[in-house]
C-alpha atoms as a PDB file:
ATOM      1  CA  MET A   1      98.273 113.818  37.472  1.00  0.00           C
ATOM      2  CA  ALA A   2      95.604 113.090  40.032  1.00  0.00           C
ATOM      3  CA  ASP A   3      97.093 112.033  43.755  1.00  0.00           C
ATOM      4  CA  LYS A   4      94.967 109.046  44.692  1.00  0.00           C
ATOM      5  CA  GLY A   5      95.302 108.921  48.228  1.00  0.00           C
ATOM      6  CA  PHE A   6      92.343 108.751  50.741  1.00  0.00           C
ATOM      7  CA  GLY A   7      90.513 105.356  48.921  1.00  0.00           C
ATOM      8  CA  GLY A   8      91.015 107.076  45.643  1.00  0.00           C
ATOM      9  CA  ARG A   9      89.223 110.261  47.034  1.00  0.00           C
ATOM     10  CA  GLY A  10      92.318 112.734  45.976  1.00  0.00           C
ATOM     11  CA  GLY A  11      94.894 113.999  48.594  1.00  0.00           C
ATOM     12  CA  PHE A  12      93.075 116.532  50.077  1.00  0.00           C
ATOM     13  CA  VAL A  13      90.552 116.253  52.440  1.00  0.00           C
ATOM     14  CA  PHE A  14      88.191 119.617  54.278  1.00  0.00           C
ATOM     15  CA  ARG A  15      85.734 118.467  56.648  1.00  0.00           C
ATOM     16  CA  VAL A  16      82.995 121.268  58.047  1.00  0.00           C
ATOM     17  CA  ARG A  17      80.881 121.135  61.053  1.00  0.00           C
ATOM     18  CA  VAL A  18      77.660 123.032  60.445  1.00  0.00           C
ATOM     19  CA  GLY A  19      75.374 122.816  63.811  1.00  0.00           C
ATOM     20  CA  ASP A  20      74.647 118.917  63.996  1.00  0.00           C
ATOM     21  CA  PHE A  21      75.827 118.693  60.395  1.00  0.00           C
ATOM     22  CA  GLU A  22      79.468 117.619  58.786  1.00  0.00           C
ATOM     23  CA  PHE A  23      80.396 117.299  55.336  1.00  0.00           C
ATOM     24  CA  GLU A  24      83.609 116.918  53.722  1.00  0.00           C
ATOM     25  CA  VAL A  25      85.450 117.860  50.395  1.00  0.00           C
ATOM     26  CA  CYS A  26      87.761 115.656  48.861  1.00  0.00           C
ATOM     27  CA  GLY A  27      90.074 116.225  46.073  1.00  0.00           C
ATOM     28  CA  SER A  28      93.404 117.490  44.990  1.00  0.00           C
ATOM     29  CA  ARG A  29      94.520 120.713  47.060  1.00  0.00           C
ATOM     30  CA  GLU A  30      93.694 122.946  44.243  1.00  0.00           C
ATOM     31  CA  GLU A  31      90.006 121.485  43.528  1.00  0.00           C
ATOM     32  CA  VAL A  32      89.273 121.593  47.348  1.00  0.00           C
ATOM     33  CA  LEU A  33      90.537 125.081  47.519  1.00  0.00           C
ATOM     34  CA  ARG A  34      88.184 126.366  44.409  1.00  0.00           C
ATOM     35  CA  THR A  35      85.450 124.709  46.482  1.00  0.00           C
ATOM     36  CA  VAL A  36      86.022 126.145  49.665  1.00  0.00           C
ATOM     37  CA  GLU A  37      85.807 129.562  47.930  1.00  0.00           C
ATOM     38  CA  ASP A  38      82.014 128.866  47.204  1.00  0.00           C
ATOM     39  CA  LEU A  39      81.855 127.735  50.593  1.00  0.00           C
ATOM     40  CA  PRO A  40      78.885 130.323  51.397  1.00  0.00           C
ATOM     41  CA  GLY A  41      76.521 129.242  48.945  1.00  0.00           C
ATOM     42  CA  LEU A  42      77.625 125.095  49.805  1.00  0.00           C
ATOM     43  CA  VAL A  43      76.541 125.792  53.230  1.00  0.00           C
ATOM     44  CA  GLY A  44      73.379 127.559  52.733  1.00  0.00           C
ATOM     45  CA  SER A  45      73.213 124.087  49.784  1.00  0.00           C
ATOM     46  CA  VAL A  46      73.973 121.313  52.383  1.00  0.00           C
ATOM     47  CA  ARG A  47      71.949 122.649  55.108  1.00  0.00           C
ATOM     48  CA  GLU A  48      68.618 122.812  53.056  1.00  0.00           C
ATOM     49  CA  ALA A  49      69.797 119.228  51.716  1.00  0.00           C
ATOM     50  CA  PHE A  50      70.330 118.026  55.904  1.00  0.00           C
ATOM     51  CA  GLU A  51      66.863 119.739  56.439  1.00  0.00           C
ATOM     52  CA  VAL A  52      65.498 116.671  54.412  1.00  0.00           C
ATOM     53  CA  LEU A  53      66.941 114.341  56.540  1.00  0.00           C
ATOM     54  CA  ARG A  54      65.028 115.195  59.889  1.00  0.00           C
ATOM     55  CA  PRO A  55      62.595 112.653  61.650  1.00  0.00           C
ATOM     56  CA  ARG A  56      59.243 111.984  59.872  1.00  0.00           C
ATOM     57  CA  SER A  57      57.686 109.323  62.191  1.00  0.00           C
ATOM     58  CA  VAL A  58      57.346 109.861  65.462  1.00  0.00           C
ATOM     59  CA  ALA A  59      55.012 108.561  68.552  1.00  0.00           C
ATOM     60  CA  THR A  60      54.183 111.875  70.401  1.00  0.00           C
ATOM     61  CA  LEU A  61      54.133 111.799  74.135  1.00  0.00           C
ATOM     62  CA  THR A  62      51.191 114.530  75.402  1.00  0.00           C
ATOM     63  CA  VAL A  63      51.270 115.982  79.472  1.00  0.00           C
ATOM     64  CA  LYS A  64      47.526 116.492  80.583  1.00  0.00           C
ATOM     65  CA  ALA A  65      46.901 119.713  82.190  1.00  0.00           C
ATOM     66  CA  ASP A  66      45.521 120.042  85.964  1.00  0.00           C
ATOM     67  CA  ALA A  67      42.402 117.929  86.084  1.00  0.00           C
ATOM     68  CA  GLY A  68      40.334 121.294  87.414  1.00  0.00           C
ATOM     69  CA  LYS A  69      41.149 123.269  84.251  1.00  0.00           C
ATOM     70  CA  LYS A  70      39.494 122.591  80.653  1.00  0.00           C
ATOM     71  CA  GLU A  71      40.872 119.436  79.266  1.00  0.00           C
ATOM     72  CA  GLU A  72      44.009 120.504  77.157  1.00  0.00           C
ATOM     73  CA  ALA A  73      47.073 118.526  76.001  1.00  0.00           C
ATOM     74  CA  VAL A  74      50.424 120.010  75.329  1.00  0.00           C
ATOM     75  CA  VAL A  75      52.926 118.438  73.065  1.00  0.00           C
ATOM     76  CA  ALA A  76      56.262 117.911  75.234  1.00  0.00           C
ATOM     77  CA  GLN A  77      57.836 115.896  72.792  1.00  0.00           C
ATOM     78  CA  LYS A  78      58.137 113.694  69.750  1.00  0.00           C
ATOM     79  CA  TYR A  79      60.073 110.289  70.153  1.00  0.00           C
ATOM     80  CA  PRO A  80      60.354 107.346  67.364  1.00  0.00           C
ATOM     81  CA  LYS A  81      57.662 104.366  67.690  1.00  0.00           C
ATOM     82  CA  ILE A  82      60.072 101.178  67.949  1.00  0.00           C
ATOM     83  CA  VAL A  83      59.414  97.584  67.703  1.00  0.00           C
ATOM     84  CA  ALA A  84      58.919  96.793  71.472  1.00  0.00           C
ATOM     85  CA  THR A  85      61.722  93.722  72.803  1.00  0.00           C
ATOM     86  CA  ASP A  86      62.982  92.764  76.185  1.00  0.00           C
ATOM     87  CA  LYS A  87      66.459  93.071  74.756  1.00  0.00           C
ATOM     88  CA  CYS A  88      68.501  96.298  75.884  1.00  0.00           C
ATOM     89  CA  ASP A  89      70.507  96.291  72.809  1.00  0.00           C
ATOM     90  CA  GLU A  90      67.906  95.444  70.609  1.00  0.00           C
ATOM     91  CA  ALA A  91      65.780  98.736  71.034  1.00  0.00           C
ATOM     92  CA  LEU A  92      68.971 100.675  71.386  1.00  0.00           C
ATOM     93  CA  LEU A  93      69.829  99.593  67.867  1.00  0.00           C
ATOM     94  CA  ARG A  94      66.161 100.011  66.992  1.00  0.00           C
ATOM     95  CA  VAL A  95      65.934 103.905  68.121  1.00  0.00           C
ATOM     96  CA  LEU A  96      69.545 104.703  66.916  1.00  0.00           C
ATOM     97  CA  GLY A  97      68.466 103.236  63.706  1.00  0.00           C
ATOM     98  CA  THR A  98      65.470 105.662  63.102  1.00  0.00           C
ATOM     99  CA  ASP A  99      65.589 109.147  61.476  1.00  0.00           C
ATOM    100  CA  TRP A 100      65.537 110.644  64.966  1.00  0.00           C
ATOM    101  CA  GLY A 101      68.706 108.677  65.885  1.00  0.00           C
ATOM    102  CA  LYS A 102      70.571 108.986  62.702  1.00  0.00           C
ATOM    103  CA  TRP A 103      69.574 112.869  62.643  1.00  0.00           C
ATOM    104  CA  ARG A 104      72.081 113.648  65.451  1.00  0.00           C
ATOM    105  CA  PRO A 105      74.196 111.868  68.246  1.00  0.00           C
ATOM    106  CA  ARG A 106      71.811 111.153  71.285  1.00  0.00           C
ATOM    107  CA  THR A 107      72.700 110.928  74.908  1.00  0.00           C
ATOM    108  CA  MET A 108      71.701 108.319  77.062  1.00  0.00           C
ATOM    109  CA  GLY A 109      69.104 110.635  78.743  1.00  0.00           C
ATOM    110  CA  GLU A 110      67.310 110.962  75.516  1.00  0.00           C
ATOM    111  CA  LEU A 111      67.845 107.545  74.287  1.00  0.00           C
ATOM    112  CA  GLY A 112      65.951 106.290  77.594  1.00  0.00           C
ATOM    113  CA  ASP A 113      63.143 108.931  77.251  1.00  0.00           C
ATOM    114  CA  VAL A 114      62.292 107.143  74.324  1.00  0.00           C
ATOM    115  CA  LEU A 115      62.609 103.754  75.540  1.00  0.00           C
ATOM    116  CA  ARG A 116      60.398 105.048  78.158  1.00  0.00           C
ATOM    117  CA  ALA A 117      57.663 106.615  75.488  1.00  0.00           C
ATOM    118  CA  ASN A 118      57.605 103.078  73.572  1.00  0.00           C
ATOM    119  CA  GLU A 119      56.919 101.484  77.429  1.00  0.00           C
ATOM    120  CA  LEU A 120      60.379  99.650  77.224  1.00  0.00           C
ATOM    121  CA  GLU A 121      62.099 100.120  80.930  1.00  0.00           C
ATOM    122  CA  PHE A 122      65.967  99.566  80.906  1.00  0.00           C
ATOM    123  CA  SER A 123      67.761 101.132  84.056  1.00  0.00           C
ATOM    124  CA  GLY A 124      70.257 103.625  83.941  1.00  0.00           C
ATOM    125  CA  ARG A 125      73.104 101.116  84.569  1.00  0.00           C
ATOM    126  CA  VAL A 126      71.803  98.431  82.346  1.00  0.00           C
ATOM    127  CA  MET A 127      71.866 100.961  79.412  1.00  0.00           C
ATOM    128  CA  ALA A 128      75.246 102.217  79.979  1.00  0.00           C
ATOM    129  CA  GLY A 129      76.469  98.774  80.151  1.00  0.00           C
ATOM    130  CA  VAL A 130      74.928  98.085  76.623  1.00  0.00           C
ATOM    131  CA  LEU A 131      75.940 101.375  75.143  1.00  0.00           C
ATOM    132  CA  SER A 132      80.099 100.315  76.465  1.00  0.00           C
ATOM    133  CA  GLY A 133      79.219  96.625  74.595  1.00  0.00           C
ATOM    134  CA  LEU A 134      78.061  98.090  71.351  1.00  0.00           C
ATOM    135  CA  VAL A 135      81.004 100.672  71.564  1.00  0.00           C
ATOM    136  CA  ARG A 136      83.594  98.198  71.798  1.00  0.00           C
ATOM    137  CA  LYS A 137      82.010  96.087  69.343  1.00  0.00           C
ATOM    138  CA  GLY A 138      82.323  99.187  66.831  1.00  0.00           C
ATOM    139  CA  VAL A 139      78.370  98.980  66.194  1.00  0.00           C
ATOM    140  CA  VAL A 140      78.253 102.598  67.940  1.00  0.00           C
ATOM    141  CA  ARG A 141      80.037 105.279  68.125  1.00  0.00           C
ATOM    142  CA  ARG A 142      80.776 107.267  71.687  1.00  0.00           C
ATOM    143  CA  TRP A 143      82.518 110.879  72.274  1.00  0.00           C
ATOM    144  CA  LYS A 144      82.716 113.299  75.080  1.00  0.00           C
ATOM    145  CA  THR A 145      80.233 116.694  74.582  1.00  0.00           C
ATOM    146  CA  ASP A 146      79.428 119.578  76.780  1.00  0.00           C
ATOM    147  CA  ALA A 147      75.853 117.543  77.216  1.00  0.00           C
ATOM    148  CA  GLY A 148      77.683 114.335  78.177  1.00  0.00           C
ATOM    149  CA  PHE A 149      78.460 111.321  76.290  1.00  0.00           C
ATOM    150  CA  VAL A 150      76.609 111.261  73.044  1.00  0.00           C
ATOM    151  CA  TYR A 151      76.488 107.846  70.860  1.00  0.00           C
ATOM    152  CA  ILE A 152      75.312 107.336  67.089  1.00  0.00           C
ATOM    153  CA  LEU A 153      75.625 104.520  64.854  1.00  0.00           C
ATOM    154  CA  ALA A 154      79.031 103.550  63.366  1.00  0.00           C
ATOM    155  CA  GLU A 155      79.108 104.145  59.708  1.00  0.00           C
ATOM    156  CA  LYS A 156      79.894 101.163  57.746  1.00  0.00           C
ATOM    157  CA  GLU A 157      82.932 101.321  55.373  1.00  0.00           C
ATOM    158  CA  ASN A 158      82.459 100.803  51.544  1.00  0.00           C
ATOM    159  CA  LEU A 159      85.108  97.741  51.579  1.00  0.00           C
ATOM    160  CA  ALA A 160      84.714  97.197  47.987  1.00  0.00           C
ATOM    161  CA  LYS A 161      87.410  98.671  45.696  1.00  0.00           C
END
């Protein structure tokens, strides 16, 4: 008889993080352990599957070289294009809702760079306060890394049974 713990997913859960990506295997202990034996092949397949999720729609920020030299533009960074708004919370949620924002958790500096690339100016203090409020409301997740706090949209749990 199968264990129906964890919302019917099975009683044993194995979670793996590979770089910026994470996946979870659920089922009976025996099923999960059999799957783990195939882990090297699965990791390659998962990595390929996640490559498809990389951002596609981006705005390009270019930096001009010295005026005395021939005209050349160097691509500095690619950022998503969002609809303009004067509300910081809306702007941050729009950025985090893009493929770029969903691809991996982002630092406040990265979020600020995207907003500036979209010609939206919010102070660091305002952004920090808004992000804290979004975390308290459960709309955004935050955790500490070596690079500082990172932010990503909270996943909506499927409440249907």
